[in-house]
C-alpha atoms as a PDB file:
ATOM      1  CA  MET A   1      29.921 -63.874  50.077  1.00  0.00           C
ATOM      2  CA  GLN A   2      30.675 -60.211  49.532  1.00  0.00           C
ATOM      3  CA  LYS A   3      30.891 -59.157  45.898  1.00  0.00           C
ATOM      4  CA  LEU A   4      31.520 -55.922  44.061  1.00  0.00           C
ATOM      5  CA  VAL A   5      28.388 -54.171  42.834  1.00  0.00           C
ATOM      6  CA  SER A   6      28.948 -51.447  40.216  1.00  0.00           C
ATOM      7  CA  PHE A   7      26.520 -48.645  39.403  1.00  0.00           C
ATOM      8  CA  VAL A   8      26.789 -46.794  36.093  1.00  0.00           C
ATOM      9  CA  VAL A   9      25.047 -43.413  36.151  1.00  0.00           C
ATOM     10  CA  PRO A  10      24.957 -41.325  32.927  1.00  0.00           C
ATOM     11  CA  VAL A  11      24.866 -37.606  33.710  1.00  0.00           C
ATOM     12  CA  PHE A  12      23.694 -34.788  31.475  1.00  0.00           C
ATOM     13  CA  ARG A  13      22.613 -31.538  33.104  1.00  0.00           C
ATOM     14  CA  ASN A  14      21.643 -33.220  36.372  1.00  0.00           C
ATOM     15  CA  ALA A  15      23.107 -30.635  38.747  1.00  0.00           C
ATOM     16  CA  GLY A  16      21.304 -30.774  42.086  1.00  0.00           C
ATOM     17  CA  ALA A  17      20.238 -34.393  41.712  1.00  0.00           C
ATOM     18  CA  LEU A  18      23.682 -36.036  41.939  1.00  0.00           C
ATOM     19  CA  TRP A  19      24.224 -35.896  45.696  1.00  0.00           C
ATOM     20  CA  PRO A  20      20.744 -37.395  46.361  1.00  0.00           C
ATOM     21  CA  THR A  21      21.431 -40.097  43.763  1.00  0.00           C
ATOM     22  CA  TYR A  22      24.789 -40.910  45.352  1.00  0.00           C
ATOM     23  CA  SER A  23      23.253 -41.022  48.856  1.00  0.00           C
ATOM     24  CA  ALA A  24      20.446 -43.312  47.694  1.00  0.00           C
ATOM     25  CA  ILE A  25      22.897 -45.774  46.104  1.00  0.00           C
ATOM     26  CA  THR A  26      25.295 -45.902  49.055  1.00  0.00           C
ATOM     27  CA  GLY A  27      22.421 -46.224  51.511  1.00  0.00           C
ATOM     28  CA  LEU A  28      21.028 -49.203  49.612  1.00  0.00           C
ATOM     29  CA  VAL A  29      24.260 -51.150  49.073  1.00  0.00           C
ATOM     30  CA  SER A  30      25.488 -50.652  52.648  1.00  0.00           C
ATOM     31  CA  GLY A  31      22.528 -52.711  53.794  1.00  0.00           C
ATOM     32  CA  LEU A  32      23.126 -55.557  51.353  1.00  0.00           C
ATOM     33  CA  GLY A  33      26.612 -56.567  52.471  1.00  0.00           C
ATOM     34  CA  HIS A  34      28.392 -55.942  49.161  1.00  0.00           C
ATOM     35  CA  SER A  35      31.224 -53.590  48.272  1.00  0.00           C
ATOM     36  CA  LEU A  36      30.393 -50.717  45.955  1.00  0.00           C
ATOM     37  CA  GLU A  37      31.684 -48.963  42.866  1.00  0.00           C
ATOM     38  CA  ILE A  38      29.852 -45.975  41.377  1.00  0.00           C
ATOM     39  CA  ILE A  39      30.803 -44.712  37.922  1.00  0.00           C
ATOM     40  CA  PHE A  40      29.337 -41.365  36.962  1.00  0.00           C
ATOM     41  CA  VAL A  41      29.687 -40.561  33.255  1.00  0.00           C
ATOM     42  CA  ASN A  42      29.414 -36.849  32.576  1.00  0.00           C
ATOM     43  CA  ASP A  43      28.102 -36.526  29.034  1.00  0.00           C
ATOM     44  CA  GLY A  44      29.285 -32.993  28.323  1.00  0.00           C
ATOM     45  CA  SER A  45      27.112 -31.252  30.930  1.00  0.00           C
ATOM     46  CA  ASP A  46      27.313 -27.475  31.030  1.00  0.00           C
ATOM     47  CA  ASP A  47      25.285 -26.788  34.186  1.00  0.00           C
ATOM     48  CA  GLY A  48      27.666 -27.503  37.058  1.00  0.00           C
ATOM     49  CA  SER A  49      27.145 -31.257  37.098  1.00  0.00           C
ATOM     50  CA  LEU A  50      30.874 -31.925  36.752  1.00  0.00           C
ATOM     51  CA  LEU A  51      31.723 -29.752  39.760  1.00  0.00           C
ATOM     52  CA  GLU A  52      29.171 -31.645  41.836  1.00  0.00           C
ATOM     53  CA  LEU A  53      30.651 -34.956  40.662  1.00  0.00           C
ATOM     54  CA  LEU A  54      34.156 -33.823  41.611  1.00  0.00           C
ATOM     55  CA  GLU A  55      32.951 -33.028  45.123  1.00  0.00           C
ATOM     56  CA  ILE A  56      31.346 -36.463  45.435  1.00  0.00           C
ATOM     57  CA  GLN A  57      34.464 -38.192  44.143  1.00  0.00           C
ATOM     58  CA  LYS A  58      36.702 -36.382  46.626  1.00  0.00           C
ATOM     59  CA  SER A  59      34.495 -37.549  49.494  1.00  0.00           C
ATOM     60  CA  ASP A  60      34.352 -41.236  48.493  1.00  0.00           C
ATOM     61  CA  ALA A  61      37.090 -43.371  46.901  1.00  0.00           C
ATOM     62  CA  SER A  62      34.487 -45.830  45.591  1.00  0.00           C
ATOM     63  CA  VAL A  63      33.201 -43.118  43.224  1.00  0.00           C
ATOM     64  CA  LYS A  64      34.746 -42.808  39.769  1.00  0.00           C
ATOM     65  CA  VAL A  65      34.077 -40.071  37.254  1.00  0.00           C
ATOM     66  CA  ILE A  66      34.398 -40.136  33.471  1.00  0.00           C
ATOM     67  CA  SER A  67      33.891 -36.819  31.728  1.00  0.00           C
ATOM     68  CA  PHE A  68      33.407 -36.528  27.959  1.00  0.00           C
ATOM     69  CA  SER A  69      34.863 -33.720  25.858  1.00  0.00           C
ATOM     70  CA  ARG A  70      31.325 -32.882  24.668  1.00  0.00           C
ATOM     71  CA  ASN A  71      27.837 -34.344  24.594  1.00  0.00           C
ATOM     72  CA  PHE A  72      27.906 -37.713  22.798  1.00  0.00           C
ATOM     73  CA  GLY A  73      24.503 -39.027  23.932  1.00  0.00           C
ATOM     74  CA  GLN A  74      23.155 -41.345  26.582  1.00  0.00           C
ATOM     75  CA  VAL A  75      24.058 -44.580  24.795  1.00  0.00           C
ATOM     76  CA  ALA A  76      27.694 -43.464  24.479  1.00  0.00           C
ATOM     77  CA  ALA A  77      27.713 -42.714  28.216  1.00  0.00           C
ATOM     78  CA  ILE A  78      26.303 -46.171  28.953  1.00  0.00           C
ATOM     79  CA  ILE A  79      28.950 -47.837  26.785  1.00  0.00           C
ATOM     80  CA  ALA A  80      31.757 -45.916  28.495  1.00  0.00           C
ATOM     81  CA  GLY A  81      30.389 -46.775  31.930  1.00  0.00           C
ATOM     82  CA  PHE A  82      30.048 -50.477  31.173  1.00  0.00           C
ATOM     83  CA  LYS A  83      33.567 -50.629  29.765  1.00  0.00           C
ATOM     84  CA  ALA A  84      34.917 -48.999  32.916  1.00  0.00           C
ATOM     85  CA  SER A  85      32.895 -51.212  35.244  1.00  0.00           C
ATOM     86  CA  SER A  86      34.736 -53.911  37.164  1.00  0.00           C
ATOM     87  CA  GLY A  87      31.930 -55.237  39.364  1.00  0.00           C
ATOM     88  CA  ASP A  88      30.586 -58.778  39.595  1.00  0.00           C
ATOM     89  CA  CYS A  89      27.350 -57.167  38.470  1.00  0.00           C
ATOM     90  CA  THR A  90      26.634 -53.743  37.012  1.00  0.00           C
ATOM     91  CA  LEU A  91      23.488 -51.693  37.433  1.00  0.00           C
ATOM     92  CA  LEU A  92      22.460 -48.887  35.100  1.00  0.00           C
ATOM     93  CA  MET A  93      20.568 -46.117  36.835  1.00  0.00           C
ATOM     94  CA  SER A  94      19.520 -42.630  35.760  1.00  0.00           C
ATOM     95  CA  ALA A  95      20.611 -39.529  37.654  1.00  0.00           C
ATOM     96  CA  ASP A  96      17.203 -37.842  37.591  1.00  0.00           C
ATOM     97  CA  LEU A  97      15.768 -39.591  40.702  1.00  0.00           C
ATOM     98  CA  GLN A  98      12.974 -41.171  38.653  1.00  0.00           C
ATOM     99  CA  ASP A  99      14.152 -44.732  39.336  1.00  0.00           C
ATOM    100  CA  PRO A 100      13.079 -45.918  42.822  1.00  0.00           C
ATOM    101  CA  ILE A 101      16.229 -47.139  44.543  1.00  0.00           C
ATOM    102  CA  GLU A 102      14.453 -50.028  46.278  1.00  0.00           C
ATOM    103  CA  LYS A 103      14.022 -51.655  42.855  1.00  0.00           C
ATOM    104  CA  ALA A 104      17.815 -51.776  42.542  1.00  0.00           C
ATOM    105  CA  GLY A 105      17.751 -53.914  45.662  1.00  0.00           C
ATOM    106  CA  ASP A 106      15.177 -56.204  44.026  1.00  0.00           C
ATOM    107  CA  MET A 107      17.411 -56.591  40.973  1.00  0.00           C
ATOM    108  CA  ILE A 108      20.441 -57.418  43.124  1.00  0.00           C
ATOM    109  CA  ARG A 109      18.436 -60.104  44.947  1.00  0.00           C
ATOM    110  CA  HIS A 110      17.351 -61.609  41.612  1.00  0.00           C
ATOM    111  CA  TRP A 111      21.021 -61.636  40.561  1.00  0.00           C
ATOM    112  CA  GLU A 112      22.035 -63.353  43.803  1.00  0.00           C
ATOM    113  CA  GLN A 113      19.549 -66.084  42.911  1.00  0.00           C
ATOM    114  CA  GLY A 114      21.117 -66.678  39.499  1.00  0.00           C
ATOM    115  CA  THR A 115      19.522 -64.149  37.157  1.00  0.00           C
ATOM    116  CA  GLU A 116      22.007 -62.876  34.576  1.00  0.00           C
ATOM    117  CA  ILE A 117      19.972 -59.858  33.475  1.00  0.00           C
ATOM    118  CA  ALA A 118      17.388 -58.161  35.695  1.00  0.00           C
ATOM    119  CA  ILE A 119      15.280 -55.452  34.064  1.00  0.00           C
ATOM    120  CA  CYS A 120      12.973 -52.988  35.759  1.00  0.00           C
ATOM    121  CA  CYS A 121      10.330 -52.349  33.109  1.00  0.00           C
ATOM    122  CA  ARG A 122       7.962 -49.401  33.272  1.00  0.00           C
ATOM    123  CA  ALA A 123       4.424 -50.504  34.073  1.00  0.00           C
ATOM    124  CA  ASP A 124       3.424 -46.859  34.415  1.00  0.00           C
ATOM    125  CA  ARG A 125       5.117 -43.478  34.483  1.00  0.00           C
ATOM    126  CA  GLU A 126       4.368 -40.189  36.196  1.00  0.00           C
ATOM    127  CA  ASP A 127       5.283 -38.162  33.129  1.00  0.00           C
ATOM    128  CA  GLY A 128       3.307 -35.776  30.955  1.00  0.00           C
ATOM    129  CA  PHE A 129       0.714 -36.846  28.410  1.00  0.00           C
ATOM    130  CA  PHE A 130       3.005 -36.297  25.411  1.00  0.00           C
ATOM    131  CA  ALA A 131       5.814 -38.375  26.922  1.00  0.00           C
ATOM    132  CA  ARG A 132       3.439 -41.256  27.674  1.00  0.00           C
ATOM    133  CA  VAL A 133       1.882 -41.226  24.202  1.00  0.00           C
ATOM    134  CA  THR A 134       5.178 -41.074  22.294  1.00  0.00           C
ATOM    135  CA  SER A 135       6.660 -43.798  24.505  1.00  0.00           C
ATOM    136  CA  ALA A 136       3.679 -46.100  23.930  1.00  0.00           C
ATOM    137  CA  PHE A 137       3.799 -45.509  20.166  1.00  0.00           C
ATOM    138  CA  PHE A 138       7.544 -46.157  19.984  1.00  0.00           C
ATOM    139  CA  TYR A 139       7.589 -49.375  21.994  1.00  0.00           C
ATOM    140  CA  ASN A 140       4.501 -50.815  20.297  1.00  0.00           C
ATOM    141  CA  LEU A 141       6.337 -50.486  16.981  1.00  0.00           C
ATOM    142  CA  ILE A 142       9.535 -51.951  18.425  1.00  0.00           C
ATOM    143  CA  LYS A 143       7.602 -54.970  19.734  1.00  0.00           C
ATOM    144  CA  VAL A 144       6.925 -55.935  16.107  1.00  0.00           C
ATOM    145  CA  ALA A 145      10.640 -56.674  15.751  1.00  0.00           C
ATOM    146  CA  LEU A 146      11.378 -57.524  19.404  1.00  0.00           C
ATOM    147  CA  PRO A 147       8.405 -59.370  20.954  1.00  0.00           C
ATOM    148  CA  LYS A 148      10.193 -59.538  24.334  1.00  0.00           C
ATOM    149  CA  MET A 149      10.387 -55.752  24.598  1.00  0.00           C
ATOM    150  CA  PRO A 150       8.288 -54.576  27.593  1.00  0.00           C
ATOM    151  CA  LYS A 151       5.475 -52.265  26.534  1.00  0.00           C
ATOM    152  CA  GLY A 152       6.951 -49.333  28.468  1.00  0.00           C
ATOM    153  CA  GLY A 153      10.583 -50.014  27.610  1.00  0.00           C
ATOM    154  CA  PHE A 154      13.410 -49.915  30.154  1.00  0.00           C
ATOM    155  CA  ASP A 155      16.669 -48.206  31.069  1.00  0.00           C
ATOM    156  CA  PHE A 156      16.968 -49.320  34.721  1.00  0.00           C
ATOM    157  CA  LEU A 157      18.642 -52.728  34.804  1.00  0.00           C
ATOM    158  CA  LEU A 158      21.320 -55.056  36.124  1.00  0.00           C
ATOM    159  CA  LEU A 159      23.797 -57.146  34.139  1.00  0.00           C
ATOM    160  CA  ASP A 160      25.905 -60.003  35.451  1.00  0.00           C
ATOM    161  CA  ARG A 161      29.635 -59.781  34.747  1.00  0.00           C
ATOM    162  CA  LYS A 162      29.267 -62.259  31.882  1.00  0.00           C
ATOM    163  CA  ALA A 163      26.545 -60.180  30.263  1.00  0.00           C
ATOM    164  CA  VAL A 164      28.579 -56.970  30.679  1.00  0.00           C
ATOM    165  CA  ASP A 165      31.570 -58.577  28.964  1.00  0.00           C
ATOM    166  CA  GLN A 166      29.435 -59.737  26.040  1.00  0.00           C
ATOM    167  CA  TYR A 167      27.809 -56.320  25.720  1.00  0.00           C
ATOM    168  CA  ASN A 168      31.235 -54.683  25.716  1.00  0.00           C
ATOM    169  CA  ALA A 169      32.287 -57.034  22.905  1.00  0.00           C
ATOM    170  CA  LEU A 170      29.715 -55.458  20.569  1.00  0.00           C
ATOM    171  CA  ASP A 171      31.459 -53.013  18.244  1.00  0.00           C
ATOM    172  CA  GLU A 172      28.835 -50.889  16.518  1.00  0.00           C
ATOM    173  CA  ARG A 173      27.757 -47.288  16.197  1.00  0.00           C
ATOM    174  CA  ASN A 174      24.190 -45.925  16.234  1.00  0.00           C
ATOM    175  CA  ARG A 175      23.325 -48.482  18.882  1.00  0.00           C
ATOM    176  CA  PHE A 176      19.879 -49.364  20.166  1.00  0.00           C
ATOM    177  CA  PHE A 177      20.747 -50.123  23.772  1.00  0.00           C
ATOM    178  CA  GLN A 178      17.586 -51.956  24.802  1.00  0.00           C
ATOM    179  CA  GLY A 179      17.630 -54.141  21.699  1.00  0.00           C
ATOM    180  CA  ASP A 180      21.277 -55.037  22.327  1.00  0.00           C
ATOM    181  CA  ILE A 181      20.488 -56.148  25.885  1.00  0.00           C
ATOM    182  CA  LEU A 182      17.622 -58.411  24.796  1.00  0.00           C
ATOM    183  CA  TRP A 183      19.695 -59.732  21.880  1.00  0.00           C
ATOM    184  CA  LEU A 184      22.351 -61.111  24.267  1.00  0.00           C
ATOM    185  CA  GLY A 185      20.004 -63.986  25.097  1.00  0.00           C
ATOM    186  CA  PHE A 186      20.884 -64.486  28.767  1.00  0.00           C
ATOM    187  CA  LYS A 187      18.347 -65.364  31.438  1.00  0.00           C
ATOM    188  CA  VAL A 188      16.201 -62.285  32.055  1.00  0.00           C
ATOM    189  CA  SER A 189      13.942 -61.343  34.964  1.00  0.00           C
ATOM    190  CA  PHE A 190      11.452 -58.519  34.418  1.00  0.00           C
ATOM    191  CA  ILE A 191      10.452 -56.429  37.420  1.00  0.00           C
ATOM    192  CA  PRO A 192       7.584 -53.957  36.792  1.00  0.00           C
ATOM    193  CA  TYR A 193       7.683 -50.564  38.472  1.00  0.00           C
ATOM    194  CA  ASN A 194       6.193 -47.097  38.232  1.00  0.00           C
ATOM    195  CA  ARG A 195       8.629 -44.491  36.984  1.00  0.00           C
ATOM    196  CA  LEU A 196       8.565 -41.520  39.324  1.00  0.00           C
ATOM    197  CA  LYS A 197       7.995 -37.912  38.389  1.00  0.00           C
ATOM    198  CA  ARG A 198      11.109 -35.780  38.030  1.00  0.00           C
ATOM    199  CA  THR A 199      11.509 -33.455  41.011  1.00  0.00           C
ATOM    200  CA  ILE A 200      14.838 -31.784  40.169  1.00  0.00           C
ATOM    201  CA  GLY A 201      15.680 -30.229  36.815  1.00  0.00           C
ATOM    202  CA  LYS A 202      13.972 -31.024  33.532  1.00  0.00           C
ATOM    203  CA  SER A 203      14.264 -33.790  30.985  1.00  0.00           C
ATOM    204  CA  GLN A 204      16.973 -33.413  28.331  1.00  0.00           C
ATOM    205  CA  TRP A 205      15.363 -36.152  26.230  1.00  0.00           C
ATOM    206  CA  SER A 206      14.299 -33.836  23.400  1.00  0.00           C
ATOM    207  CA  LEU A 207      12.031 -34.720  20.489  1.00  0.00           C
ATOM    208  CA  SER A 208      14.998 -34.843  18.079  1.00  0.00           C
ATOM    209  CA  LYS A 209      16.829 -37.286  20.357  1.00  0.00           C
ATOM    210  CA  LYS A 210      13.698 -39.413  20.628  1.00  0.00           C
ATOM    211  CA  MET A 211      13.376 -39.486  16.836  1.00  0.00           C
ATOM    212  CA  LYS A 212      17.038 -40.461  16.424  1.00  0.00           C
ATOM    213  CA  TYR A 213      16.665 -43.249  18.984  1.00  0.00           C
ATOM    214  CA  PHE A 214      13.421 -44.422  17.358  1.00  0.00           C
ATOM    215  CA  ILE A 215      15.093 -44.654  13.939  1.00  0.00           C
ATOM    216  CA  ASP A 216      18.114 -46.463  15.423  1.00  0.00           C
ATOM    217  CA  GLY A 217      15.820 -48.877  17.239  1.00  0.00           C
ATOM    218  CA  PHE A 218      13.616 -49.673  14.267  1.00  0.00           C
ATOM    219  CA  LEU A 219      16.444 -50.021  11.757  1.00  0.00           C
ATOM    220  CA  ASN A 220      18.864 -51.876  14.033  1.00  0.00           C
ATOM    221  CA  THR A 221      16.490 -54.529  15.317  1.00  0.00           C
ATOM    222  CA  SER A 222      15.189 -56.013  12.063  1.00  0.00           C
ATOM    223  CA  TYR A 223      14.982 -55.989   8.291  1.00  0.00           C
ATOM    224  CA  ILE A 224      11.291 -55.067   8.447  1.00  0.00           C
ATOM    225  CA  PRO A 225      11.708 -51.623   6.772  1.00  0.00           C
ATOM    226  CA  ILE A 226      13.555 -53.128   3.795  1.00  0.00           C
ATOM    227  CA  ARG A 227      11.067 -55.986   3.505  1.00  0.00           C
ATOM    228  CA  LEU A 228       8.136 -53.576   3.706  1.00  0.00           C
ATOM    229  CA  MET A 229       9.702 -51.510   0.937  1.00  0.00           C
ATOM    230  CA  ALA A 230      10.110 -54.568  -1.284  1.00  0.00           C
ATOM    231  CA  SER A 231       6.578 -55.808  -0.571  1.00  0.00           C
ATOM    232  CA  PHE A 232       5.018 -52.384  -1.071  1.00  0.00           C
ATOM    233  CA  GLY A 233       6.974 -51.852  -4.273  1.00  0.00           C
ATOM    234  CA  LEU A 234       5.779 -55.209  -5.597  1.00  0.00           C
ATOM    235  CA  VAL A 235       2.131 -54.492  -4.748  1.00  0.00           C
ATOM    236  CA  THR A 236       2.346 -51.002  -6.283  1.00  0.00           C
ATOM    237  CA  SER A 237       3.901 -52.414  -9.449  1.00  0.00           C
ATOM    238  CA  ILE A 238       1.176 -55.044  -9.796  1.00  0.00           C
ATOM    239  CA  ILE A 239      -1.594 -52.494  -9.264  1.00  0.00           C
ATOM    240  CA  GLY A 240       0.042 -50.106 -11.732  1.00  0.00           C
ATOM    241  CA  PHE A 241       0.385 -52.857 -14.342  1.00  0.00           C
ATOM    242  CA  LEU A 242      -3.240 -53.924 -13.936  1.00  0.00           C
ATOM    243  CA  TYR A 243      -4.398 -50.312 -14.170  1.00  0.00           C
ATOM    244  CA  ALA A 244      -2.353 -49.846 -17.342  1.00  0.00           C
ATOM    245  CA  LEU A 245      -3.994 -52.939 -18.844  1.00  0.00           C
ATOM    246  CA  LEU A 246      -7.424 -51.571 -17.929  1.00  0.00           C
ATOM    247  CA  ILE A 247      -6.682 -48.235 -19.618  1.00  0.00           C
ATOM    248  CA  ALA A 248      -5.361 -49.958 -22.743  1.00  0.00           C
ATOM    249  CA  TYR A 249      -8.372 -52.279 -22.894  1.00  0.00           C
ATOM    250  CA  ASN A 250     -10.874 -49.404 -22.585  1.00  0.00           C
ATOM    251  CA  ARG A 251      -9.011 -47.338 -25.173  1.00  0.00           C
ATOM    252  CA  PHE A 252      -8.635 -49.988 -27.876  1.00  0.00           C
ATOM    253  CA  PHE A 253     -11.664 -52.210 -27.353  1.00  0.00           C
ATOM    254  CA  ARG A 254     -14.296 -49.811 -25.984  1.00  0.00           C
ATOM    255  CA  ASP A 255     -13.053 -46.637 -27.612  1.00  0.00           C
ATOM    256  CA  VAL A 256     -13.078 -44.821 -24.242  1.00  0.00           C
ATOM    257  CA  PRO A 257     -10.863 -41.707 -24.440  1.00  0.00           C
ATOM    258  CA  PHE A 258      -8.388 -40.954 -21.729  1.00  0.00           C
ATOM    259  CA  SER A 259     -10.260 -39.006 -19.022  1.00  0.00           C
ATOM    260  CA  GLY A 260      -7.720 -36.261 -18.271  1.00  0.00           C
ATOM    261  CA  TRP A 261      -4.611 -35.247 -16.385  1.00  0.00           C
ATOM    262  CA  ALA A 262      -5.960 -35.537 -12.802  1.00  0.00           C
ATOM    263  CA  PRO A 263      -5.426 -39.322 -12.479  1.00  0.00           C
ATOM    264  CA  ILE A 264      -1.911 -38.918 -13.875  1.00  0.00           C
ATOM    265  CA  MET A 265      -1.023 -36.234 -11.345  1.00  0.00           C
ATOM    266  CA  ILE A 266      -2.458 -38.267  -8.469  1.00  0.00           C
ATOM    267  CA  LEU A 267      -0.480 -41.340  -9.482  1.00  0.00           C
ATOM    268  CA  ILE A 268       2.704 -39.334 -10.002  1.00  0.00           C
ATOM    269  CA  LEU A 269       2.411 -37.686  -6.588  1.00  0.00           C
ATOM    270  CA  ILE A 270       1.620 -40.937  -4.767  1.00  0.00           C
ATOM    271  CA  ILE A 271       4.262 -43.030  -6.485  1.00  0.00           C
ATOM    272  CA  GLY A 272       6.802 -40.196  -6.282  1.00  0.00           C
ATOM    273  CA  GLY A 273       6.188 -39.876  -2.547  1.00  0.00           C
ATOM    274  CA  ILE A 274       6.590 -43.624  -2.071  1.00  0.00           C
ATOM    275  CA  ILE A 275       9.855 -43.597  -4.027  1.00  0.00           C
ATOM    276  CA  MET A 276      11.231 -40.705  -1.967  1.00  0.00           C
ATOM    277  CA  LEU A 277      10.267 -42.497   1.255  1.00  0.00           C
ATOM    278  CA  MET A 278      12.017 -45.646   0.081  1.00  0.00           C
ATOM    279  CA  LEU A 279      15.113 -43.691  -0.903  1.00  0.00           C
ATOM    280  CA  GLY A 280      15.122 -42.093   2.547  1.00  0.00           C
ATOM    281  CA  ILE A 281      15.050 -45.492   4.256  1.00  0.00           C
ATOM    282  CA  ILE A 282      17.816 -46.773   1.989  1.00  0.00           C
ATOM    283  CA  GLY A 283      19.762 -43.621   2.792  1.00  0.00           C
ATOM    284  CA  GLU A 284      19.491 -44.342   6.513  1.00  0.00           C
ATOM    285  CA  TYR A 285      20.971 -47.806   5.984  1.00  0.00           C
ATOM    286  CA  LEU A 286      23.724 -46.412   3.747  1.00  0.00           C
ATOM    287  CA  TRP A 287      24.596 -43.726   6.294  1.00  0.00           C
ATOM    288  CA  ARG A 288      24.941 -46.351   9.016  1.00  0.00           C
ATOM    289  CA  THR A 289      27.189 -48.435   6.771  1.00  0.00           C
ATOM    290  CA  TYR A 290      29.346 -45.392   6.008  1.00  0.00           C
ATOM    291  CA  ASP A 291      29.421 -44.400   9.671  1.00  0.00           C
ATOM    292  CA  GLU A 292      30.702 -47.861  10.603  1.00  0.00           C
ATOM    293  CA  THR A 293      33.494 -47.736   8.012  1.00  0.00           C
ATOM    294  CA  ARG A 294      34.860 -44.432   9.370  1.00  0.00           C
ATOM    295  CA  LYS A 295      35.672 -46.120  12.702  1.00  0.00           C
ATOM    296  CA  ARG A 296      35.432 -42.923  14.693  1.00  0.00           C
ATOM    297  CA  PRO A 297      35.242 -43.420  18.467  1.00  0.00           C
ATOM    298  CA  VAL A 298      31.773 -43.475  19.990  1.00  0.00           C
ATOM    299  CA  TYR A 299      32.950 -40.979  22.597  1.00  0.00           C
ATOM    300  CA  ILE A 300      36.045 -38.989  23.618  1.00  0.00           C
ATOM    301  CA  ILE A 301      37.064 -38.855  27.272  1.00  0.00           C
ATOM    302  CA  ASP A 302      38.302 -35.527  28.533  1.00  0.00           C
ATOM    303  CA  GLN A 303      39.233 -36.710  32.040  1.00  0.00           C
ATOM    304  CA  LYS A 304      38.910 -39.680  34.365  1.00  0.00           C
ATOM    305  CA  LEU A 305      39.012 -39.513  38.139  1.00  0.00           C
ATOM    306  CA  GLY A 306      39.214 -42.258  40.731  1.00  0.00           C
ATOM    307  CA  PHE A 307      40.588 -44.979  38.454  1.00  0.00           C
ATOM    308  CA  THR A 308      43.752 -46.842  39.398  1.00  0.00           C
ATOM    309  CA  ASP A 309      44.100 -48.824  36.178  1.00  0.00           C
ATOM    310  CA  LYS A 310      43.936 -48.155  32.456  1.00  0.00           C
ATOM    311  CA  LYS A 311      40.378 -49.364  32.053  1.00  0.00           C
ATOM    312  CA  LYS A 312      38.419 -47.339  29.438  1.00  0.00           C
END
């Protein structure tokens, strides 16, 4: 039975890659017997991406375009796309041509067989050395809190309508997208693939964005940082107390004079550094709490094209 398959494609400075991405999607779905909806979310691009999207939308009524007033980040674009999606299933795909389109077909076939979430996880990637190392470091740490997280992470996936609705029901800021998907708890199929090398444009996934996403991921998925702080503080306090007893014992019972200022400075610097680190972690949690209370929108839409309803 023919169903509606939706594709959500976040776009940020992907000019030149959008027509090939559109052609790959339409070519795939036309052979599967389903109807198609493509939602491009322009995340404040300033390189001509929006003009290219407008041309695509004019040529195909199944294409819808959401354009933000500025750059709000990839997760905000994903949220907007999922909320606008009306398909029986929704696929998330990047616009950089690094996700092999045939794997989208594999995910759709898994969904047709009853899978509620199909995830293409990166078994390998044709990226630079730095990108591979930072990715491995990040996801190995995340696996401490989320054992089901694939070692290479993921951002190429399919959600059944039920899973999309539950994801859309989440109302949080500073989201960790991958953790949210695994948290939903639906039946998941993992499909390994090799992420292709970018052939058009360059990655906009800067080091600062990676750090922000890493902090969101580590803080949002568990209480490990707070528990580590409490445990480390307890151990440090015990060691400090025992050391103080040792100094007092040597001074009063062995008449050993205090040896100098160097040990004091070392202890002050170490303990002071630990305290500042702990305050920084607490500050991150407090900022997230404050950010939630402000209730600002995750994104602001400048224009929408191709929609016939009031879906946001």
